Amino acid sequence: DVTPDAIDWANFDVNGTTQYDTPTQTITGISAPITLDVSFSELRDAYQMSVLQNGTVTQGPSSAPGSFQFNVTNNDTIAFRFDVANGNRAEFDVTVINVTDSNTTLDTFIGEVDND
């Protein structure tokens, strides 16, 4: 099966920091590796985004706007890191798509990291 159980990264708004890591989500319910495509916008101020897979940065950092494509297996944990320059306030939306399952959207969330 290439359709994972539901995942949900919560929307967030954090202040007073230049770096924020989302809580991890565990990919479960799949019996074969799948490819995820993660796209991220830049709505205000520059920032960089990275993917943490099983606690290690595996993609990025990359400047916004941008996207990553990477493979995951059952029980992999995924989180996202956002780095914002001092004095900036980054606002963005992120979309996570399962490329392997006909480009099905798994989650969309919005965030803000404010250090101005």
N, C-alpha and C. Protein backbone atom coordinates (compact mmCIF):
# COMPACT_ATOMS: atom_id res chain seq x y z
N ASP A 1 0.85 -1.19 0.00
CA ASP A 1 0.00 0.00 0.00
C ASP A 1 0.89 1.24 0.00
N VAL A 2 0.57 2.22 -0.83
CA VAL A 2 1.36 3.45 -0.93
C VAL A 2 0.59 4.66 -0.39
N THR A 3 -0.50 4.41 0.31
CA THR A 3 -1.27 5.49 0.93
C THR A 3 -1.02 5.47 2.43
N PRO A 4 -0.30 6.48 2.96
CA PRO A 4 -0.01 6.47 4.40
C PRO A 4 -1.24 6.84 5.23
N ASP A 5 -1.18 6.48 6.51
CA ASP A 5 -2.19 6.94 7.45
C ASP A 5 -2.15 8.47 7.48
N ALA A 6 -3.22 9.08 7.96
CA ALA A 6 -3.33 10.54 7.97
C ALA A 6 -2.18 11.18 8.75
N ILE A 7 -1.67 12.28 8.20
CA ILE A 7 -0.66 13.10 8.89
C ILE A 7 -1.17 14.52 8.93
N ASP A 8 -0.74 15.26 9.95
CA ASP A 8 -1.25 16.62 10.12
C ASP A 8 -0.24 17.47 10.86
N TRP A 9 0.47 18.31 10.11
CA TRP A 9 1.32 19.32 10.75
C TRP A 9 0.43 20.50 11.07
N ALA A 10 0.42 20.92 12.32
CA ALA A 10 -0.43 22.02 12.76
C ALA A 10 0.09 23.35 12.24
N ASN A 11 -0.83 24.28 11.99
CA ASN A 11 -0.43 25.66 11.71
C ASN A 11 0.29 26.20 12.94
N PHE A 12 1.21 27.15 12.72
CA PHE A 12 1.94 27.70 13.86
C PHE A 12 2.31 29.15 13.64
N ASP A 13 2.56 29.84 14.75
CA ASP A 13 3.00 31.23 14.77
C ASP A 13 3.92 31.35 15.97
N VAL A 14 5.23 31.44 15.74
CA VAL A 14 6.20 31.53 16.83
C VAL A 14 6.92 32.87 16.76
N ASN A 15 7.28 33.39 17.93
CA ASN A 15 7.93 34.69 18.02
C ASN A 15 9.25 34.59 18.77
N GLY A 16 10.16 35.52 18.45
CA GLY A 16 11.40 35.66 19.22
C GLY A 16 12.45 34.60 18.96
N THR A 17 12.44 34.00 17.77
CA THR A 17 13.44 32.98 17.45
C THR A 17 13.84 33.09 15.99
N THR A 18 15.04 32.63 15.67
CA THR A 18 15.48 32.59 14.28
C THR A 18 15.37 31.20 13.68
N GLN A 19 14.99 30.20 14.51
CA GLN A 19 14.85 28.83 14.00
C GLN A 19 13.69 28.14 14.70
N TYR A 20 12.89 27.41 13.91
CA TYR A 20 11.78 26.65 14.47
C TYR A 20 11.68 25.31 13.76
N ASP A 21 11.55 24.24 14.54
CA ASP A 21 11.31 22.90 14.01
C ASP A 21 9.88 22.50 14.33
N THR A 22 9.15 22.03 13.33
CA THR A 22 7.80 21.55 13.58
C THR A 22 7.88 20.26 14.40
N PRO A 23 6.81 19.91 15.10
CA PRO A 23 6.74 18.58 15.70
C PRO A 23 6.83 17.52 14.59
N THR A 24 7.37 16.37 14.92
CA THR A 24 7.50 15.32 13.91
C THR A 24 6.17 14.62 13.67
N GLN A 25 6.04 14.11 12.47
CA GLN A 25 4.94 13.23 12.09
C GLN A 25 5.57 11.91 11.66
N THR A 26 4.97 10.81 12.06
CA THR A 26 5.47 9.49 11.68
C THR A 26 4.66 8.96 10.51
N ILE A 27 5.37 8.55 9.47
CA ILE A 27 4.73 7.98 8.29
C ILE A 27 4.44 6.51 8.60
N THR A 28 3.16 6.14 8.60
CA THR A 28 2.77 4.76 8.88
C THR A 28 1.74 4.31 7.85
N GLY A 29 1.51 3.00 7.81
CA GLY A 29 0.47 2.46 6.96
C GLY A 29 0.89 2.16 5.53
N ILE A 30 2.20 2.30 5.23
CA ILE A 30 2.64 1.99 3.87
C ILE A 30 3.49 0.72 3.88
N SER A 31 3.43 -0.02 2.79
CA SER A 31 4.18 -1.27 2.69
C SER A 31 5.33 -1.18 1.69
N ALA A 32 5.47 -0.01 1.07
CA ALA A 32 6.56 0.24 0.11
C ALA A 32 6.99 1.70 0.25
N PRO A 33 8.23 2.01 -0.13
CA PRO A 33 8.66 3.41 -0.09
C PRO A 33 7.76 4.29 -0.96
N ILE A 34 7.57 5.53 -0.53
CA ILE A 34 6.83 6.51 -1.32
C ILE A 34 7.67 7.77 -1.48
N THR A 35 7.35 8.55 -2.50
CA THR A 35 8.03 9.82 -2.75
C THR A 35 7.11 10.96 -2.33
N LEU A 36 7.64 11.83 -1.47
CA LEU A 36 6.91 13.02 -1.06
C LEU A 36 7.47 14.23 -1.79
N ASP A 37 6.59 15.14 -2.15
CA ASP A 37 6.97 16.43 -2.71
C ASP A 37 6.47 17.49 -1.75
N VAL A 38 7.39 18.30 -1.24
CA VAL A 38 7.04 19.34 -0.27
C VAL A 38 7.35 20.68 -0.91
N SER A 39 6.31 21.50 -1.11
CA SER A 39 6.52 22.83 -1.68
C SER A 39 6.21 23.88 -0.62
N PHE A 40 6.96 25.00 -0.68
CA PHE A 40 6.80 26.05 0.32
C PHE A 40 6.91 27.42 -0.34
N SER A 41 6.03 28.32 0.11
CA SER A 41 5.93 29.64 -0.49
C SER A 41 6.70 30.66 0.34
N GLU A 42 6.78 31.87 -0.18
CA GLU A 42 7.33 33.00 0.57
C GLU A 42 6.31 34.13 0.51
N LEU A 43 5.58 34.31 1.59
CA LEU A 43 4.54 35.34 1.64
C LEU A 43 5.07 36.65 2.21
N ARG A 44 6.11 36.55 3.05
CA ARG A 44 6.71 37.75 3.63
C ARG A 44 8.09 37.40 4.16
N ASP A 45 9.08 38.18 3.84
CA ASP A 45 10.47 38.06 4.29
C ASP A 45 11.08 36.71 3.93
N ALA A 46 12.36 36.76 3.65
CA ALA A 46 13.10 35.57 3.23
C ALA A 46 13.33 34.62 4.40
N TYR A 47 13.40 33.34 4.07
CA TYR A 47 13.73 32.31 5.05
C TYR A 47 14.27 31.10 4.31
N GLN A 48 14.78 30.14 5.06
CA GLN A 48 15.22 28.88 4.49
C GLN A 48 14.48 27.74 5.17
N MET A 49 14.25 26.67 4.42
CA MET A 49 13.56 25.50 4.95
C MET A 49 14.40 24.26 4.73
N SER A 50 14.34 23.35 5.71
CA SER A 50 15.00 22.05 5.63
C SER A 50 14.01 20.97 6.01
N VAL A 51 14.32 19.74 5.57
CA VAL A 51 13.54 18.57 5.96
C VAL A 51 14.38 17.75 6.93
N LEU A 52 13.78 17.40 8.08
CA LEU A 52 14.42 16.50 9.03
C LEU A 52 13.74 15.14 8.90
N GLN A 53 14.51 14.15 8.50
CA GLN A 53 13.99 12.80 8.33
C GLN A 53 14.69 11.91 9.35
N ASN A 54 13.91 11.34 10.25
CA ASN A 54 14.45 10.53 11.34
C ASN A 54 15.48 11.30 12.15
N GLY A 55 15.20 12.61 12.36
CA GLY A 55 16.03 13.46 13.21
C GLY A 55 17.24 14.09 12.55
N THR A 56 17.46 13.82 11.27
CA THR A 56 18.63 14.34 10.56
C THR A 56 18.18 15.19 9.38
N VAL A 57 18.85 16.32 9.16
CA VAL A 57 18.54 17.14 7.99
C VAL A 57 18.94 16.36 6.74
N THR A 58 17.97 16.05 5.90
CA THR A 58 18.23 15.28 4.68
C THR A 58 18.01 16.10 3.42
N GLN A 59 17.29 17.21 3.53
CA GLN A 59 17.03 18.09 2.40
C GLN A 59 17.22 19.52 2.87
N GLY A 60 17.96 20.31 2.08
CA GLY A 60 18.11 21.71 2.41
C GLY A 60 19.31 21.98 3.29
N PRO A 61 19.42 23.23 3.75
CA PRO A 61 18.39 24.26 3.63
C PRO A 61 18.32 24.84 2.22
N SER A 62 17.12 25.28 1.90
CA SER A 62 16.88 25.89 0.61
C SER A 62 16.06 27.16 0.82
N SER A 63 16.40 28.19 0.05
CA SER A 63 15.69 29.45 0.17
C SER A 63 14.29 29.34 -0.41
N ALA A 64 13.36 30.05 0.20
CA ALA A 64 11.97 30.06 -0.26
C ALA A 64 11.82 31.06 -1.41
N PRO A 65 10.88 30.85 -2.29
CA PRO A 65 10.02 29.67 -2.40
C PRO A 65 10.79 28.51 -3.01
N GLY A 66 10.29 27.29 -2.78
CA GLY A 66 11.00 26.13 -3.30
C GLY A 66 10.25 24.85 -3.06
N SER A 67 10.94 23.72 -3.31
CA SER A 67 10.33 22.42 -3.06
C SER A 67 11.42 21.37 -2.89
N PHE A 68 11.04 20.30 -2.26
CA PHE A 68 11.91 19.13 -2.08
C PHE A 68 11.13 17.91 -2.51
N GLN A 69 11.85 16.93 -3.05
CA GLN A 69 11.25 15.63 -3.31
C GLN A 69 12.17 14.58 -2.69
N PHE A 70 11.58 13.67 -1.90
CA PHE A 70 12.40 12.67 -1.22
C PHE A 70 11.55 11.44 -0.91
N ASN A 71 12.23 10.32 -0.68
CA ASN A 71 11.56 9.06 -0.41
C ASN A 71 11.46 8.82 1.09
N VAL A 72 10.36 8.20 1.50
CA VAL A 72 10.17 7.80 2.89
C VAL A 72 9.70 6.35 2.92
N THR A 73 9.96 5.70 4.04
CA THR A 73 9.50 4.34 4.27
C THR A 73 8.65 4.32 5.53
N ASN A 74 7.97 3.22 5.74
CA ASN A 74 7.10 3.08 6.91
C ASN A 74 7.89 3.35 8.20
N ASN A 75 7.29 4.12 9.09
CA ASN A 75 7.84 4.52 10.40
C ASN A 75 8.92 5.58 10.34
N ASP A 76 9.19 6.17 9.17
CA ASP A 76 10.07 7.34 9.12
C ASP A 76 9.38 8.50 9.83
N THR A 77 10.17 9.32 10.51
CA THR A 77 9.63 10.55 11.11
C THR A 77 10.08 11.73 10.26
N ILE A 78 9.16 12.68 10.08
CA ILE A 78 9.42 13.86 9.25
C ILE A 78 9.05 15.11 10.04
N ALA A 79 9.96 16.09 10.01
CA ALA A 79 9.70 17.42 10.56
C ALA A 79 10.30 18.43 9.60
N PHE A 80 9.94 19.68 9.77
CA PHE A 80 10.45 20.74 8.92
C PHE A 80 11.10 21.81 9.79
N ARG A 81 12.23 22.33 9.31
CA ARG A 81 12.96 23.40 10.01
C ARG A 81 12.90 24.67 9.18
N PHE A 82 12.61 25.76 9.87
CA PHE A 82 12.53 27.07 9.24
C PHE A 82 13.56 27.99 9.89
N ASP A 83 14.45 28.57 9.09
CA ASP A 83 15.47 29.50 9.56
C ASP A 83 15.17 30.89 9.00
N VAL A 84 15.11 31.86 9.91
CA VAL A 84 14.75 33.24 9.57
C VAL A 84 15.88 34.15 10.03
N ALA A 85 16.26 35.11 9.18
CA ALA A 85 17.30 36.06 9.56
C ALA A 85 16.83 36.96 10.70
N ASN A 86 17.77 37.42 11.49
CA ASN A 86 17.46 38.36 12.57
C ASN A 86 16.73 39.56 11.99
N GLY A 87 15.65 39.97 12.61
CA GLY A 87 14.90 41.14 12.17
C GLY A 87 13.85 40.84 11.11
N ASN A 88 13.69 39.58 10.73
CA ASN A 88 12.71 39.23 9.70
C ASN A 88 11.50 38.52 10.31
N ARG A 89 10.42 38.55 9.58
CA ARG A 89 9.22 37.79 9.92
C ARG A 89 8.80 37.03 8.67
N ALA A 90 9.00 35.72 8.70
CA ALA A 90 8.65 34.88 7.55
C ALA A 90 7.23 34.36 7.71
N GLU A 91 6.48 34.42 6.64
CA GLU A 91 5.13 33.86 6.58
C GLU A 91 5.09 32.98 5.34
N PHE A 92 4.44 31.80 5.45
CA PHE A 92 4.50 30.85 4.36
C PHE A 92 3.39 29.82 4.47
N ASP A 93 3.17 29.11 3.36
CA ASP A 93 2.34 27.91 3.41
C ASP A 93 3.14 26.76 2.81
N VAL A 94 2.83 25.56 3.31
CA VAL A 94 3.56 24.36 2.93
C VAL A 94 2.55 23.31 2.49
N THR A 95 2.83 22.63 1.38
CA THR A 95 1.98 21.56 0.89
C THR A 95 2.82 20.29 0.76
N VAL A 96 2.29 19.19 1.30
CA VAL A 96 2.96 17.89 1.25
C VAL A 96 2.13 16.97 0.35
N ILE A 97 2.75 16.49 -0.72
CA ILE A 97 2.08 15.67 -1.72
C ILE A 97 2.73 14.29 -1.80
N ASN A 98 1.91 13.26 -1.93
CA ASN A 98 2.39 11.90 -2.14
C ASN A 98 2.46 11.66 -3.65
N VAL A 99 3.64 11.81 -4.21
CA VAL A 99 3.83 11.65 -5.66
C VAL A 99 3.48 10.23 -6.08
N THR A 100 3.84 9.25 -5.25
CA THR A 100 3.63 7.84 -5.58
C THR A 100 2.16 7.49 -5.70
N ASP A 101 1.31 8.20 -4.98
CA ASP A 101 -0.13 7.91 -4.97
C ASP A 101 -0.88 8.98 -5.78
N SER A 102 -0.53 9.10 -7.06
CA SER A 102 -1.21 10.01 -8.00
C SER A 102 -1.22 11.46 -7.54
N ASN A 103 -0.11 11.91 -6.92
CA ASN A 103 0.03 13.30 -6.47
C ASN A 103 -1.07 13.72 -5.49
N THR A 104 -1.42 12.83 -4.59
CA THR A 104 -2.43 13.11 -3.58
C THR A 104 -1.88 14.06 -2.52
N THR A 105 -2.62 15.11 -2.20
CA THR A 105 -2.20 16.02 -1.14
C THR A 105 -2.42 15.36 0.21
N LEU A 106 -1.35 15.26 1.01
CA LEU A 106 -1.42 14.66 2.34
C LEU A 106 -1.69 15.70 3.42
N ASP A 107 -1.15 16.91 3.24
CA ASP A 107 -1.35 17.95 4.24
C ASP A 107 -0.96 19.30 3.67
N THR A 108 -1.60 20.34 4.16
CA THR A 108 -1.24 21.72 3.88
C THR A 108 -1.30 22.46 5.21
N PHE A 109 -0.27 23.27 5.49
CA PHE A 109 -0.28 24.05 6.72
C PHE A 109 0.37 25.40 6.48
N ILE A 110 0.06 26.35 7.35
CA ILE A 110 0.64 27.69 7.26
C ILE A 110 1.48 27.95 8.50
N GLY A 111 2.47 28.81 8.34
CA GLY A 111 3.32 29.12 9.48
C GLY A 111 3.86 30.53 9.43
N GLU A 112 4.31 30.96 10.59
CA GLU A 112 4.98 32.26 10.71
C GLU A 112 6.07 32.13 11.77
N VAL A 113 7.27 32.57 11.41
CA VAL A 113 8.38 32.64 12.36
C VAL A 113 8.79 34.10 12.40
N ASP A 114 8.61 34.72 13.55
CA ASP A 114 8.76 36.18 13.70
C ASP A 114 9.96 36.48 14.61
N ASN A 115 10.94 37.15 14.04
CA ASN A 115 12.10 37.58 14.84
C ASN A 115 12.41 39.04 14.54
N ASP A 116 11.36 39.86 14.35
CA ASP A 116 11.62 41.30 14.10
C ASP A 116 11.22 42.13 15.28
